[in-house]
Amino acid sequence: MQLLEKNADNFAQNYLIDQDEYNKFVAKQDFSYHTVETFANKIAIQPGIVIGRLQRDKYVPFDHLNSDKQRYKIIFNNNA
């Protein structure tokens, strides 16, 4: 895993998603998009962040819910 991706995962895990709330959410074992979206709205983050966390934690396969994740490309400018 690339360092930037690992850092982003750690940030999402430690700061964006409250661990107690996340534990309650995953205990229900309902990972439909509607349920993920409702949970994301409750904790005030984008659903794609929750989807990425669920995929990383192996609650849902990496090929599920991907259309609902936002993708970003990081471009470094060495001329600055």
C-alpha atoms as a PDB file:
ATOM      1  CA  MET A   1       0.000   0.000   0.000  1.00  0.00           C
ATOM      2  CA  GLN A   2       1.307   3.407  -0.842  1.00  0.00           C
ATOM      3  CA  LEU A   3       2.279   5.650   2.042  1.00  0.00           C
ATOM      4  CA  LEU A   4      -0.242   8.384   1.165  1.00  0.00           C
ATOM      5  CA  GLU A   5      -3.069   5.860   0.997  1.00  0.00           C
ATOM      6  CA  LYS A   6      -2.035   4.327   4.308  1.00  0.00           C
ATOM      7  CA  ASN A   7      -1.902   7.763   5.934  1.00  0.00           C
ATOM      8  CA  ALA A   8      -5.340   8.607   4.550  1.00  0.00           C
ATOM      9  CA  ASP A   9      -6.735   5.320   5.886  1.00  0.00           C
ATOM     10  CA  ASN A  10      -5.251   5.978   9.324  1.00  0.00           C
ATOM     11  CA  PHE A  11      -6.634   9.519   9.355  1.00  0.00           C
ATOM     12  CA  ALA A  12     -10.124   8.277   8.440  1.00  0.00           C
ATOM     13  CA  GLN A  13      -9.939   5.547  11.045  1.00  0.00           C
ATOM     14  CA  ASN A  14      -8.654   7.706  13.882  1.00  0.00           C
ATOM     15  CA  TYR A  15     -10.275  11.081  13.258  1.00  0.00           C
ATOM     16  CA  LEU A  16     -13.164  11.007  10.810  1.00  0.00           C
ATOM     17  CA  ILE A  17     -15.165   8.068  12.103  1.00  0.00           C
ATOM     18  CA  ASP A  18     -15.845   7.760  15.811  1.00  0.00           C
ATOM     19  CA  GLN A  19     -14.835   4.221  16.791  1.00  0.00           C
ATOM     20  CA  ASP A  20     -17.800   3.633  19.127  1.00  0.00           C
ATOM     21  CA  GLU A  21     -20.296   4.785  16.483  1.00  0.00           C
ATOM     22  CA  TYR A  22     -18.561   2.667  13.849  1.00  0.00           C
ATOM     23  CA  ASN A  23     -18.638  -0.416  16.083  1.00  0.00           C
ATOM     24  CA  LYS A  24     -22.382   0.016  16.632  1.00  0.00           C
ATOM     25  CA  PHE A  25     -22.924   0.468  12.898  1.00  0.00           C
ATOM     26  CA  VAL A  26     -20.972  -2.619  11.803  1.00  0.00           C
ATOM     27  CA  ALA A  27     -22.579  -4.751  14.523  1.00  0.00           C
ATOM     28  CA  LYS A  28     -25.880  -4.389  12.642  1.00  0.00           C
ATOM     29  CA  GLN A  29     -24.304  -6.026   9.557  1.00  0.00           C
ATOM     30  CA  ASP A  30     -26.452  -3.985   7.140  1.00  0.00           C
ATOM     31  CA  PHE A  31     -24.194  -2.492   4.496  1.00  0.00           C
ATOM     32  CA  SER A  32     -26.707  -1.370   1.886  1.00  0.00           C
ATOM     33  CA  TYR A  33     -25.939   1.993   0.322  1.00  0.00           C
ATOM     34  CA  HIS A  34     -28.969   3.556   2.033  1.00  0.00           C
ATOM     35  CA  THR A  35     -27.779   2.397   5.463  1.00  0.00           C
ATOM     36  CA  VAL A  36     -24.213   3.537   4.786  1.00  0.00           C
ATOM     37  CA  GLU A  37     -25.480   6.916   3.602  1.00  0.00           C
ATOM     38  CA  THR A  38     -27.682   7.308   6.697  1.00  0.00           C
ATOM     39  CA  PHE A  39     -24.750   6.486   8.981  1.00  0.00           C
ATOM     40  CA  ALA A  40     -22.443   8.868   7.089  1.00  0.00           C
ATOM     41  CA  ASN A  41     -24.971  11.681   7.401  1.00  0.00           C
ATOM     42  CA  LYS A  42     -25.352  10.959  11.119  1.00  0.00           C
ATOM     43  CA  ILE A  43     -21.604  11.392  11.694  1.00  0.00           C
ATOM     44  CA  ALA A  44     -21.323  14.214   9.109  1.00  0.00           C
ATOM     45  CA  ILE A  45     -18.911  12.692   6.589  1.00  0.00           C
ATOM     46  CA  GLN A  46     -19.129  11.607   2.964  1.00  0.00           C
ATOM     47  CA  PRO A  47     -20.526   8.097   2.369  1.00  0.00           C
ATOM     48  CA  GLY A  48     -17.428   7.229   0.338  1.00  0.00           C
ATOM     49  CA  ILE A  49     -15.284   7.541   3.453  1.00  0.00           C
ATOM     50  CA  VAL A  50     -17.477   5.023   5.257  1.00  0.00           C
ATOM     51  CA  ILE A  51     -17.461   2.752   2.184  1.00  0.00           C
ATOM     52  CA  GLY A  52     -13.664   2.858   2.043  1.00  0.00           C
ATOM     53  CA  ARG A  53     -13.436   1.995   5.721  1.00  0.00           C
ATOM     54  CA  LEU A  54     -15.887  -0.894   5.350  1.00  0.00           C
ATOM     55  CA  GLN A  55     -13.878  -2.217   2.419  1.00  0.00           C
ATOM     56  CA  ARG A  56     -10.568  -1.830   4.223  1.00  0.00           C
ATOM     57  CA  ASP A  57     -11.976  -3.612   7.283  1.00  0.00           C
ATOM     58  CA  LYS A  58     -13.323  -6.372   5.007  1.00  0.00           C
ATOM     59  CA  TYR A  59     -16.990  -5.881   5.863  1.00  0.00           C
ATOM     60  CA  VAL A  60     -17.746  -5.412   2.171  1.00  0.00           C
ATOM     61  CA  PRO A  61     -15.691  -6.547  -0.839  1.00  0.00           C
ATOM     62  CA  PHE A  62     -13.591  -3.963  -2.664  1.00  0.00           C
ATOM     63  CA  ASP A  63     -15.803  -4.334  -5.737  1.00  0.00           C
ATOM     64  CA  HIS A  64     -19.005  -3.319  -3.874  1.00  0.00           C
ATOM     65  CA  LEU A  65     -20.361   0.225  -3.517  1.00  0.00           C
ATOM     66  CA  ASN A  66     -17.453   1.663  -5.553  1.00  0.00           C
ATOM     67  CA  SER A  67     -19.692   3.836  -7.710  1.00  0.00           C
ATOM     68  CA  ASP A  68     -20.468   5.841  -4.592  1.00  0.00           C
ATOM     69  CA  LYS A  69     -16.847   6.618  -3.695  1.00  0.00           C
ATOM     70  CA  GLN A  70     -15.257   9.848  -4.831  1.00  0.00           C
ATOM     71  CA  ARG A  71     -11.817   9.494  -6.320  1.00  0.00           C
ATOM     72  CA  TYR A  72      -9.078  12.076  -6.068  1.00  0.00           C
ATOM     73  CA  LYS A  73      -5.808  12.359  -7.879  1.00  0.00           C
ATOM     74  CA  ILE A  74      -2.925  14.007  -6.062  1.00  0.00           C
ATOM     75  CA  ILE A  75      -0.543  15.913  -8.296  1.00  0.00           C
ATOM     76  CA  PHE A  76       2.756  17.170  -6.949  1.00  0.00           C
ATOM     77  CA  ASN A  77       4.271  20.220  -8.539  1.00  0.00           C
ATOM     78  CA  ASN A  78       8.033  20.179  -8.126  1.00  0.00           C
ATOM     79  CA  ASN A  79       8.361  23.593  -9.740  1.00  0.00           C
ATOM     80  CA  ALA A  80       6.943  25.478  -6.774  1.00  0.00           C
END
